[in-house]
C-alpha atoms as a PDB file:
ATOM      1  CA  MET A   1      72.470  70.430 136.091  1.00  0.00           C
ATOM      2  CA  GLN A   2      69.790  73.070 135.654  1.00  0.00           C
ATOM      3  CA  LEU A   3      70.272  76.736 134.778  1.00  0.00           C
ATOM      4  CA  SER A   4      68.923  77.609 138.225  1.00  0.00           C
ATOM      5  CA  ASP A   5      71.772  75.610 139.790  1.00  0.00           C
ATOM      6  CA  LEU A   6      74.315  77.649 137.834  1.00  0.00           C
ATOM      7  CA  GLN A   7      72.619  80.873 138.875  1.00  0.00           C
ATOM      8  CA  GLU A   8      72.763  79.818 142.518  1.00  0.00           C
ATOM      9  CA  ILE A   9      76.476  78.988 142.284  1.00  0.00           C
ATOM     10  CA  TYR A  10      77.323  82.190 140.410  1.00  0.00           C
ATOM     11  CA  SER A  11      75.448  84.289 142.987  1.00  0.00           C
ATOM     12  CA  THR A  12      77.363  82.867 145.945  1.00  0.00           C
ATOM     13  CA  PRO A  13      79.151  85.581 147.964  1.00  0.00           C
ATOM     14  CA  PHE A  14      82.379  86.340 146.114  1.00  0.00           C
ATOM     15  CA  PHE A  15      84.991  85.047 148.542  1.00  0.00           C
ATOM     16  CA  GLU A  16      82.936  81.971 149.330  1.00  0.00           C
ATOM     17  CA  LEU A  17      82.588  81.308 145.597  1.00  0.00           C
ATOM     18  CA  ILE A  18      86.277  81.543 144.746  1.00  0.00           C
ATOM     19  CA  SER A  19      87.217  79.521 147.837  1.00  0.00           C
ATOM     20  CA  ARG A  20      84.843  76.763 146.766  1.00  0.00           C
ATOM     21  CA  ALA A  21      86.214  76.887 143.233  1.00  0.00           C
ATOM     22  CA  ARG A  22      89.763  76.647 144.578  1.00  0.00           C
ATOM     23  CA  SER A  23      88.858  73.561 146.583  1.00  0.00           C
ATOM     24  CA  VAL A  24      87.320  71.901 143.532  1.00  0.00           C
ATOM     25  CA  TYR A  25      90.375  72.809 141.489  1.00  0.00           C
ATOM     26  CA  LEU A  26      92.804  71.302 143.997  1.00  0.00           C
ATOM     27  CA  GLU A  27      90.862  68.042 143.987  1.00  0.00           C
ATOM     28  CA  HIS A  28      91.615  67.525 140.302  1.00  0.00           C
ATOM     29  CA  TRP A  29      94.745  69.497 139.398  1.00  0.00           C
ATOM     30  CA  ALA A  30      98.243  70.256 140.635  1.00  0.00           C
ATOM     31  CA  GLY A  31      97.845  73.605 142.326  1.00  0.00           C
ATOM     32  CA  ASN A  32     100.670  75.497 140.674  1.00  0.00           C
ATOM     33  CA  GLU A  33     100.574  74.185 137.070  1.00  0.00           C
ATOM     34  CA  VAL A  34      99.309  76.183 134.095  1.00  0.00           C
ATOM     35  CA  GLN A  35      99.065  74.887 130.537  1.00  0.00           C
ATOM     36  CA  LEU A  36     100.897  77.082 128.023  1.00  0.00           C
ATOM     37  CA  CYS A  37      99.322  77.194 124.566  1.00  0.00           C
ATOM     38  CA  THR A  38     100.427  79.032 121.444  1.00  0.00           C
ATOM     39  CA  LEU A  39      97.874  80.162 118.867  1.00  0.00           C
ATOM     40  CA  LEU A  40      98.889  80.888 115.273  1.00  0.00           C
ATOM     41  CA  SER A  41      96.706  82.246 112.483  1.00  0.00           C
ATOM     42  CA  ILE A  42      97.710  80.116 109.500  1.00  0.00           C
ATOM     43  CA  LYS A  43      95.205  81.850 107.214  1.00  0.00           C
ATOM     44  CA  THR A  44      94.382  85.442 108.176  1.00  0.00           C
ATOM     45  CA  GLY A  45      91.577  87.707 106.945  1.00  0.00           C
ATOM     46  CA  GLY A  46      89.096  87.556 104.103  1.00  0.00           C
ATOM     47  CA  CYS A  47      86.546  85.490 106.020  1.00  0.00           C
ATOM     48  CA  SER A  48      83.027  85.418 104.562  1.00  0.00           C
ATOM     49  CA  GLU A  49      81.351  85.202 107.976  1.00  0.00           C
ATOM     50  CA  ASP A  50      79.884  88.274 109.726  1.00  0.00           C
ATOM     51  CA  CYS A  51      80.861  87.601 113.361  1.00  0.00           C
ATOM     52  CA  GLY A  52      80.447  91.036 114.918  1.00  0.00           C
ATOM     53  CA  TYR A  53      83.568  90.773 117.081  1.00  0.00           C
ATOM     54  CA  CYS A  54      86.013  89.623 114.413  1.00  0.00           C
ATOM     55  CA  ALA A  55      88.515  91.819 112.578  1.00  0.00           C
ATOM     56  CA  GLN A  56      89.058  89.069 110.013  1.00  0.00           C
ATOM     57  CA  SER A  57      85.601  89.356 108.450  1.00  0.00           C
ATOM     58  CA  SER A  58      85.685  90.639 104.874  1.00  0.00           C
ATOM     59  CA  ARG A  59      82.466  92.532 105.616  1.00  0.00           C
ATOM     60  CA  TYR A  60      84.176  95.103 107.866  1.00  0.00           C
ATOM     61  CA  SER A  61      86.882  97.698 107.242  1.00  0.00           C
ATOM     62  CA  THR A  62      89.347  96.765 109.946  1.00  0.00           C
ATOM     63  CA  GLY A  63      92.669  97.073 108.176  1.00  0.00           C
ATOM     64  CA  VAL A  64      93.233  93.305 108.308  1.00  0.00           C
ATOM     65  CA  LYS A  65      94.250  92.130 104.849  1.00  0.00           C
ATOM     66  CA  ALA A  66      93.374  88.734 103.439  1.00  0.00           C
ATOM     67  CA  GLU A  67      96.438  86.503 103.345  1.00  0.00           C
ATOM     68  CA  ARG A  68      97.198  83.162 101.769  1.00  0.00           C
ATOM     69  CA  LEU A  69      97.411  79.947 103.747  1.00  0.00           C
ATOM     70  CA  MET A  70     100.827  79.667 105.391  1.00  0.00           C
ATOM     71  CA  GLN A  71     103.251  77.105 104.047  1.00  0.00           C
ATOM     72  CA  THR A  72     104.074  74.111 106.229  1.00  0.00           C
ATOM     73  CA  GLU A  73     107.701  75.053 106.844  1.00  0.00           C
ATOM     74  CA  ASP A  74     106.729  78.560 107.957  1.00  0.00           C
ATOM     75  CA  VAL A  75     104.231  77.095 110.431  1.00  0.00           C
ATOM     76  CA  LEU A  76     106.875  74.666 111.691  1.00  0.00           C
ATOM     77  CA  ASP A  77     109.276  77.544 112.371  1.00  0.00           C
ATOM     78  CA  VAL A  78     106.689  79.145 114.665  1.00  0.00           C
ATOM     79  CA  ALA A  79     105.818  75.827 116.291  1.00  0.00           C
ATOM     80  CA  ARG A  80     109.449  75.067 117.082  1.00  0.00           C
ATOM     81  CA  ARG A  81     109.909  78.489 118.706  1.00  0.00           C
ATOM     82  CA  ALA A  82     106.709  77.963 120.694  1.00  0.00           C
ATOM     83  CA  LYS A  83     107.990  74.636 121.987  1.00  0.00           C
ATOM     84  CA  ASP A  84     111.349  76.178 122.874  1.00  0.00           C
ATOM     85  CA  ASN A  85     109.496  78.870 124.862  1.00  0.00           C
ATOM     86  CA  GLY A  86     107.622  76.243 126.870  1.00  0.00           C
ATOM     87  CA  SER A  87     104.296  75.812 125.074  1.00  0.00           C
ATOM     88  CA  THR A  88     102.887  72.287 125.183  1.00  0.00           C
ATOM     89  CA  ARG A  89      99.871  72.897 122.924  1.00  0.00           C
ATOM     90  CA  PHE A  90     100.058  74.448 119.468  1.00  0.00           C
ATOM     91  CA  CYS A  91      96.781  75.684 118.002  1.00  0.00           C
ATOM     92  CA  MET A  92      96.384  76.666 114.355  1.00  0.00           C
ATOM     93  CA  GLY A  93      93.463  78.814 113.227  1.00  0.00           C
ATOM     94  CA  ALA A  94      92.181  79.645 109.748  1.00  0.00           C
ATOM     95  CA  ALA A  95      89.789  82.471 108.873  1.00  0.00           C
ATOM     96  CA  TRP A  96      87.228  80.702 106.730  1.00  0.00           C
ATOM     97  CA  LYS A  97      83.704  79.322 107.090  1.00  0.00           C
ATOM     98  CA  GLY A  98      84.806  75.711 107.286  1.00  0.00           C
ATOM     99  CA  VAL A  99      86.640  72.875 105.588  1.00  0.00           C
ATOM    100  CA  ARG A 100      85.651  70.394 102.924  1.00  0.00           C
ATOM    101  CA  GLY A 101      87.305  67.090 102.079  1.00  0.00           C
ATOM    102  CA  GLY A 102      89.259  67.176  98.836  1.00  0.00           C
ATOM    103  CA  ASP A 103      89.844  70.928  98.931  1.00  0.00           C
ATOM    104  CA  PRO A 104      93.562  71.531  98.229  1.00  0.00           C
ATOM    105  CA  ARG A 105      93.772  73.962 101.142  1.00  0.00           C
ATOM    106  CA  PHE A 106      92.412  71.336 103.530  1.00  0.00           C
ATOM    107  CA  GLU A 107      94.865  68.774 102.193  1.00  0.00           C
ATOM    108  CA  GLN A 108      97.671  71.269 102.814  1.00  0.00           C
ATOM    109  CA  VAL A 109      96.492  71.815 106.376  1.00  0.00           C
ATOM    110  CA  LEU A 110      96.414  68.055 106.967  1.00  0.00           C
ATOM    111  CA  GLY A 111     100.014  67.862 105.782  1.00  0.00           C
ATOM    112  CA  THR A 112     101.012  70.682 108.127  1.00  0.00           C
ATOM    113  CA  ILE A 113      99.285  68.964 111.045  1.00  0.00           C
ATOM    114  CA  ARG A 114     101.211  65.754 110.382  1.00  0.00           C
ATOM    115  CA  GLU A 115     104.509  67.626 110.537  1.00  0.00           C
ATOM    116  CA  VAL A 116     103.635  69.707 113.624  1.00  0.00           C
ATOM    117  CA  SER A 117     102.480  66.593 115.474  1.00  0.00           C
ATOM    118  CA  LYS A 118     106.003  65.182 115.162  1.00  0.00           C
ATOM    119  CA  LEU A 119     107.323  67.971 117.424  1.00  0.00           C
ATOM    120  CA  GLY A 120     105.795  66.447 120.550  1.00  0.00           C
ATOM    121  CA  MET A 121     103.252  69.168 121.331  1.00  0.00           C
ATOM    122  CA  GLU A 122      99.509  68.661 121.526  1.00  0.00           C
ATOM    123  CA  VAL A 123      98.000  69.806 118.231  1.00  0.00           C
ATOM    124  CA  CYS A 124      94.798  71.850 118.234  1.00  0.00           C
ATOM    125  CA  VAL A 125      93.089  73.431 115.245  1.00  0.00           C
ATOM    126  CA  THR A 126      90.189  75.804 114.718  1.00  0.00           C
ATOM    127  CA  LEU A 127      89.055  75.713 111.101  1.00  0.00           C
ATOM    128  CA  GLY A 128      85.353  76.527 111.270  1.00  0.00           C
ATOM    129  CA  GLN A 129      82.578  74.105 110.388  1.00  0.00           C
ATOM    130  CA  LEU A 130      83.288  70.524 109.447  1.00  0.00           C
ATOM    131  CA  SER A 131      81.468  67.246 109.019  1.00  0.00           C
ATOM    132  CA  GLU A 132      82.348  63.924 110.608  1.00  0.00           C
ATOM    133  CA  LYS A 133      84.328  62.896 107.513  1.00  0.00           C
ATOM    134  CA  GLU A 134      86.716  65.854 107.803  1.00  0.00           C
ATOM    135  CA  ALA A 135      86.848  65.436 111.575  1.00  0.00           C
ATOM    136  CA  VAL A 136      88.083  61.854 111.145  1.00  0.00           C
ATOM    137  CA  GLN A 137      90.773  63.067 108.729  1.00  0.00           C
ATOM    138  CA  LEU A 138      91.945  65.659 111.249  1.00  0.00           C
ATOM    139  CA  LYS A 139      92.063  63.065 114.010  1.00  0.00           C
ATOM    140  CA  GLU A 140      94.084  60.690 111.831  1.00  0.00           C
ATOM    141  CA  ALA A 141      96.502  63.480 110.906  1.00  0.00           C
ATOM    142  CA  GLY A 142      97.342  64.054 114.563  1.00  0.00           C
ATOM    143  CA  VAL A 143      94.882  66.601 115.961  1.00  0.00           C
ATOM    144  CA  LYS A 144      94.237  66.144 119.677  1.00  0.00           C
ATOM    145  CA  ALA A 145      91.715  68.927 120.204  1.00  0.00           C
ATOM    146  CA  TYR A 146      89.398  70.957 118.010  1.00  0.00           C
ATOM    147  CA  ASN A 147      88.444  74.471 119.090  1.00  0.00           C
ATOM    148  CA  HIS A 148      84.947  75.607 118.181  1.00  0.00           C
ATOM    149  CA  ASN A 149      83.532  78.157 120.614  1.00  0.00           C
ATOM    150  CA  ILE A 150      79.794  78.607 121.052  1.00  0.00           C
ATOM    151  CA  ASP A 151      80.572  82.250 121.977  1.00  0.00           C
ATOM    152  CA  THR A 152      77.400  83.100 123.903  1.00  0.00           C
ATOM    153  CA  SER A 153      73.896  81.875 124.718  1.00  0.00           C
ATOM    154  CA  PRO A 154      71.646  80.406 122.004  1.00  0.00           C
ATOM    155  CA  GLU A 155      69.323  83.387 122.427  1.00  0.00           C
ATOM    156  CA  HIS A 156      72.041  86.039 122.070  1.00  0.00           C
ATOM    157  CA  TYR A 157      73.874  84.291 119.250  1.00  0.00           C
ATOM    158  CA  GLU A 158      71.856  85.760 116.380  1.00  0.00           C
ATOM    159  CA  LYS A 159      72.787  89.242 117.595  1.00  0.00           C
ATOM    160  CA  ILE A 160      76.465  88.344 117.145  1.00  0.00           C
ATOM    161  CA  VAL A 161      76.458  86.511 113.804  1.00  0.00           C
ATOM    162  CA  THR A 162      73.880  85.799 111.089  1.00  0.00           C
ATOM    163  CA  THR A 163      75.857  83.786 108.500  1.00  0.00           C
ATOM    164  CA  HIS A 164      75.584  80.583 110.530  1.00  0.00           C
ATOM    165  CA  THR A 165      73.478  79.406 113.441  1.00  0.00           C
ATOM    166  CA  PHE A 166      74.076  78.228 116.967  1.00  0.00           C
ATOM    167  CA  GLU A 167      72.942  74.779 115.849  1.00  0.00           C
ATOM    168  CA  ASP A 168      75.645  74.820 113.157  1.00  0.00           C
ATOM    169  CA  ARG A 169      78.199  75.208 115.940  1.00  0.00           C
ATOM    170  CA  LEU A 170      76.740  72.287 117.848  1.00  0.00           C
ATOM    171  CA  ASN A 171      76.734  70.099 114.739  1.00  0.00           C
ATOM    172  CA  THR A 172      80.473  70.653 114.289  1.00  0.00           C
ATOM    173  CA  ILE A 173      81.081  69.835 117.954  1.00  0.00           C
ATOM    174  CA  ARG A 174      79.126  66.596 117.548  1.00  0.00           C
ATOM    175  CA  ALA A 175      81.295  65.693 114.546  1.00  0.00           C
ATOM    176  CA  VAL A 176      84.447  66.383 116.555  1.00  0.00           C
ATOM    177  CA  GLN A 177      83.286  64.193 119.438  1.00  0.00           C
ATOM    178  CA  SER A 178      82.211  61.415 117.086  1.00  0.00           C
ATOM    179  CA  ALA A 179      85.696  61.390 115.547  1.00  0.00           C
ATOM    180  CA  GLY A 180      87.295  61.017 118.968  1.00  0.00           C
ATOM    181  CA  MET A 181      88.978  64.396 119.250  1.00  0.00           C
ATOM    182  CA  ASP A 182      88.833  66.475 122.410  1.00  0.00           C
ATOM    183  CA  VAL A 183      86.484  69.447 122.319  1.00  0.00           C
ATOM    184  CA  CYS A 184      87.893  72.858 123.172  1.00  0.00           C
ATOM    185  CA  CYS A 185      84.842  75.076 123.521  1.00  0.00           C
ATOM    186  CA  GLY A 186      84.038  78.239 125.413  1.00  0.00           C
ATOM    187  CA  GLY A 187      82.844  81.730 124.752  1.00  0.00           C
ATOM    188  CA  ILE A 188      83.378  85.460 124.684  1.00  0.00           C
ATOM    189  CA  ILE A 189      82.042  87.835 127.298  1.00  0.00           C
ATOM    190  CA  GLY A 190      81.606  91.569 126.883  1.00  0.00           C
ATOM    191  CA  MET A 191      79.507  91.446 123.692  1.00  0.00           C
ATOM    192  CA  GLY A 192      76.440  93.117 125.163  1.00  0.00           C
ATOM    193  CA  GLU A 193      75.114  89.901 126.677  1.00  0.00           C
ATOM    194  CA  THR A 194      73.457  89.607 130.079  1.00  0.00           C
ATOM    195  CA  GLU A 195      74.628  87.637 133.081  1.00  0.00           C
ATOM    196  CA  GLU A 196      71.934  85.106 132.230  1.00  0.00           C
ATOM    197  CA  ASP A 197      73.331  84.769 128.696  1.00  0.00           C
ATOM    198  CA  ARG A 198      76.734  83.884 130.124  1.00  0.00           C
ATOM    199  CA  LEU A 199      75.228  81.240 132.370  1.00  0.00           C
ATOM    200  CA  LYS A 200      73.111  79.842 129.536  1.00  0.00           C
ATOM    201  CA  MET A 201      76.294  79.493 127.502  1.00  0.00           C
ATOM    202  CA  LEU A 202      77.916  77.636 130.388  1.00  0.00           C
ATOM    203  CA  HIS A 203      74.804  75.497 130.787  1.00  0.00           C
ATOM    204  CA  VAL A 204      75.144  74.337 127.173  1.00  0.00           C
ATOM    205  CA  LEU A 205      78.755  73.349 127.843  1.00  0.00           C
ATOM    206  CA  THR A 206      77.686  71.226 130.828  1.00  0.00           C
ATOM    207  CA  THR A 207      75.393  69.191 128.544  1.00  0.00           C
ATOM    208  CA  PHE A 208      78.241  67.995 126.291  1.00  0.00           C
ATOM    209  CA  ALA A 209      78.978  64.270 126.544  1.00  0.00           C
ATOM    210  CA  PRO A 210      81.839  63.937 127.044  1.00  0.00           C
ATOM    211  CA  ALA A 211      82.468  67.265 128.744  1.00  0.00           C
ATOM    212  CA  PRO A 212      84.766  69.781 127.018  1.00  0.00           C
ATOM    213  CA  GLU A 213      88.443  69.027 127.526  1.00  0.00           C
ATOM    214  CA  SER A 214      89.142  72.751 127.723  1.00  0.00           C
ATOM    215  CA  VAL A 215      87.000  75.863 128.073  1.00  0.00           C
ATOM    216  CA  PRO A 216      88.456  79.149 126.782  1.00  0.00           C
ATOM    217  CA  ILE A 217      86.924  82.194 128.436  1.00  0.00           C
ATOM    218  CA  ASN A 218      87.628  85.219 126.278  1.00  0.00           C
ATOM    219  CA  CYS A 219      87.011  88.855 127.132  1.00  0.00           C
ATOM    220  CA  LEU A 220      86.071  90.823 124.047  1.00  0.00           C
ATOM    221  CA  MET A 221      88.920  92.781 122.522  1.00  0.00           C
ATOM    222  CA  PRO A 222      86.987  95.515 120.664  1.00  0.00           C
ATOM    223  CA  MET A 223      88.476  95.720 117.185  1.00  0.00           C
ATOM    224  CA  PRO A 224      88.217  99.015 115.260  1.00  0.00           C
ATOM    225  CA  GLY A 225      85.904  98.689 112.302  1.00  0.00           C
ATOM    226  CA  THR A 226      83.790  95.891 113.748  1.00  0.00           C
ATOM    227  CA  PRO A 227      80.218  96.388 115.031  1.00  0.00           C
ATOM    228  CA  MET A 228      81.503  95.856 118.582  1.00  0.00           C
ATOM    229  CA  GLU A 229      84.350  98.340 118.532  1.00  0.00           C
ATOM    230  CA  ASP A 230      82.752 100.502 121.256  1.00  0.00           C
ATOM    231  CA  GLN A 231      81.932  97.784 123.798  1.00  0.00           C
ATOM    232  CA  ALA A 232      83.053  98.533 127.349  1.00  0.00           C
ATOM    233  CA  PRO A 233      85.654  96.353 129.088  1.00  0.00           C
ATOM    234  CA  VAL A 234      84.461  93.403 131.148  1.00  0.00           C
ATOM    235  CA  ASP A 235      84.429  93.901 134.912  1.00  0.00           C
ATOM    236  CA  VAL A 236      87.175  91.747 136.411  1.00  0.00           C
ATOM    237  CA  PHE A 237      84.947  90.464 139.222  1.00  0.00           C
ATOM    238  CA  GLU A 238      82.366  89.295 136.690  1.00  0.00           C
ATOM    239  CA  LEU A 239      85.122  87.465 134.821  1.00  0.00           C
ATOM    240  CA  VAL A 240      86.416  85.796 137.985  1.00  0.00           C
ATOM    241  CA  ARG A 241      82.885  84.803 139.006  1.00  0.00           C
ATOM    242  CA  LEU A 242      82.392  83.108 135.654  1.00  0.00           C
ATOM    243  CA  ILE A 243      85.754  81.328 135.866  1.00  0.00           C
ATOM    244  CA  ALA A 244      84.967  80.102 139.373  1.00  0.00           C
ATOM    245  CA  THR A 245      81.526  78.880 138.350  1.00  0.00           C
ATOM    246  CA  THR A 246      83.016  77.112 135.325  1.00  0.00           C
ATOM    247  CA  ARG A 247      85.619  75.423 137.516  1.00  0.00           C
ATOM    248  CA  ILE A 248      82.953  74.150 139.914  1.00  0.00           C
ATOM    249  CA  VAL A 249      80.647  72.707 137.245  1.00  0.00           C
ATOM    250  CA  LEU A 250      83.371  71.438 134.874  1.00  0.00           C
ATOM    251  CA  PRO A 251      86.027  70.348 137.367  1.00  0.00           C
ATOM    252  CA  ARG A 252      88.146  68.289 134.948  1.00  0.00           C
ATOM    253  CA  ALA A 253      88.265  70.840 132.132  1.00  0.00           C
ATOM    254  CA  LYS A 254      91.211  73.104 131.527  1.00  0.00           C
ATOM    255  CA  VAL A 255      89.789  76.607 131.971  1.00  0.00           C
ATOM    256  CA  ARG A 256      91.719  78.893 129.663  1.00  0.00           C
ATOM    257  CA  LEU A 257      92.191  82.572 130.449  1.00  0.00           C
ATOM    258  CA  SER A 258      92.177  83.592 126.808  1.00  0.00           C
ATOM    259  CA  ALA A 259      91.732  86.838 124.848  1.00  0.00           C
ATOM    260  CA  GLY A 260      91.622  90.046 126.841  1.00  0.00           C
ATOM    261  CA  ARG A 261      94.503  89.448 129.232  1.00  0.00           C
ATOM    262  CA  THR A 262      96.183  92.665 128.066  1.00  0.00           C
ATOM    263  CA  ARG A 263      93.269  94.523 129.695  1.00  0.00           C
ATOM    264  CA  LEU A 264      93.656  92.692 133.009  1.00  0.00           C
ATOM    265  CA  SER A 265      95.973  93.748 135.791  1.00  0.00           C
ATOM    266  CA  ARG A 266      98.431  91.259 137.232  1.00  0.00           C
ATOM    267  CA  GLU A 267      96.215  91.150 140.320  1.00  0.00           C
ATOM    268  CA  GLY A 268      93.174  90.375 138.179  1.00  0.00           C
ATOM    269  CA  GLN A 269      94.997  87.518 136.504  1.00  0.00           C
ATOM    270  CA  ALA A 270      96.108  86.207 139.887  1.00  0.00           C
ATOM    271  CA  MET A 271      92.481  86.085 141.052  1.00  0.00           C
ATOM    272  CA  ALA A 272      91.527  84.223 137.887  1.00  0.00           C
ATOM    273  CA  PHE A 273      94.231  81.600 138.484  1.00  0.00           C
ATOM    274  CA  PHE A 274      93.178  81.242 142.123  1.00  0.00           C
ATOM    275  CA  ALA A 275      89.560  80.751 141.035  1.00  0.00           C
ATOM    276  CA  GLY A 276      90.466  77.876 138.758  1.00  0.00           C
ATOM    277  CA  ALA A 277      91.972  79.063 135.477  1.00  0.00           C
ATOM    278  CA  ASN A 278      94.837  76.744 134.576  1.00  0.00           C
ATOM    279  CA  SER A 279      95.609  77.476 130.938  1.00  0.00           C
ATOM    280  CA  ILE A 280      96.650  80.535 128.945  1.00  0.00           C
ATOM    281  CA  PHE A 281      97.578  81.481 125.412  1.00  0.00           C
ATOM    282  CA  TYR A 282     101.289  82.195 125.493  1.00  0.00           C
ATOM    283  CA  GLY A 283     102.949  84.587 123.075  1.00  0.00           C
ATOM    284  CA  ASP A 284     102.487  88.192 122.027  1.00  0.00           C
ATOM    285  CA  LYS A 285      99.620  87.694 119.549  1.00  0.00           C
ATOM    286  CA  LEU A 286      96.276  85.877 119.344  1.00  0.00           C
ATOM    287  CA  LEU A 287      95.176  85.722 115.704  1.00  0.00           C
ATOM    288  CA  THR A 288      94.825  89.509 115.246  1.00  0.00           C
ATOM    289  CA  ALA A 289      94.664  90.652 118.897  1.00  0.00           C
ATOM    290  CA  GLN A 290      97.564  91.511 121.180  1.00  0.00           C
ATOM    291  CA  ASN A 291      98.535  89.276 124.098  1.00  0.00           C
ATOM    292  CA  PRO A 292     100.970  89.746 127.003  1.00  0.00           C
ATOM    293  CA  GLY A 293     104.562  89.066 125.988  1.00  0.00           C
ATOM    294  CA  VAL A 294     106.447  85.922 126.959  1.00  0.00           C
ATOM    295  CA  ASP A 295     108.739  87.817 129.339  1.00  0.00           C
ATOM    296  CA  ALA A 296     105.762  89.414 131.119  1.00  0.00           C
ATOM    297  CA  ASP A 297     104.107  86.030 131.581  1.00  0.00           C
ATOM    298  CA  ARG A 298     107.309  84.446 132.863  1.00  0.00           C
ATOM    299  CA  GLU A 299     107.654  87.223 135.420  1.00  0.00           C
ATOM    300  CA  LEU A 300     104.022  86.831 136.486  1.00  0.00           C
ATOM    301  CA  PHE A 301     104.509  83.088 136.890  1.00  0.00           C
ATOM    302  CA  ARG A 302     107.567  83.707 139.057  1.00  0.00           C
ATOM    303  CA  GLU A 303     105.621  86.117 141.261  1.00  0.00           C
ATOM    304  CA  LEU A 304     102.739  83.642 141.663  1.00  0.00           C
ATOM    305  CA  ASP A 305     104.921  80.513 141.968  1.00  0.00           C
ATOM    306  CA  LEU A 306     103.267  78.974 138.910  1.00  0.00           C
ATOM    307  CA  VAL A 307     104.974  76.477 136.615  1.00  0.00           C
ATOM    308  CA  PRO A 308     104.196  75.295 133.089  1.00  0.00           C
ATOM    309  CA  GLN A 309     102.080  72.175 132.879  1.00  0.00           C
ATOM    310  CA  LYS A 310     103.740  69.142 131.315  1.00  0.00           C
ATOM    311  CA  PRO A 311     102.355  67.915 127.996  1.00  0.00           C
ATOM    312  CA  VAL A 312      99.637  65.264 128.106  1.00  0.00           C
ATOM    313  CA  CYS A 313     100.993  63.542 125.024  1.00  0.00           C
ATOM    314  CA  ALA A 314     104.376  63.343 123.344  1.00  0.00           C
ATOM    315  CA  THR A 315     104.405  62.000 119.814  1.00  0.00           C
ATOM    316  CA  ALA A 316     107.747  63.257 118.568  1.00  0.00           C
ATOM    317  CA  GLY A 317     109.237  60.926 116.001  1.00  0.00           C
END
């Protein structure tokens, strides 16, 4: 698929676009199911990277303090509550540049993954850069999916972060795919990018082989103290257009309505689900950003006749 094809789809009259996306969605998914995912920061703050949107960077004064890596039992407590609340995927994120085999912290994370995987939820991690060797270790420990967003277009990327490159991101994704894990990869909109940048980001995702298993679409949550603290909110119709276009070109991917839902109305979220979003982060916090509460999401699901998606795998021992 060419960039021009994406531009043509995205520019389709709005109601025609979301109707087409709905039809594509119903060909591949149960119409009323939404995957519930819980995201936990197992190592918060003190990151050496300079991602301009992130409150966890040590380069910015955001009020986020560097914390130690969480102990396995503490992570398990959160994971058990997440499962009890209906989540079928548990994602653990660490604020560091990447992982290296033999590092005691990485060994601790591997141990935590082994224990969480026994609970019967899909295990996802986002730990920064890694090579194929570490990717294989994660796969063997029980990781189903690895999240590593490309964030934006290759051209806009250097305006967002300078401590690693767009190609570094792709290299990690290649390692993940080589190890046999699913790729969870999407981006963030609202960082000063153009419409073309958003479509170029999506174009990169369509070139992955295999295609991403899930595509998180995040709306920037401007964090005080970061270079992007004054960015304006994303227009809801632009968000829905991007979700619909993503659904059409990546029909088998879970499209995750991710960060920024606290800035969307219930009606805006309903449009996003209609246009093809079928996954959310569930729980009142995403790393350092706020998220709608469990009760609010349950009420929204009742209003929209949505039900939690069943887990793809169950490995409880």
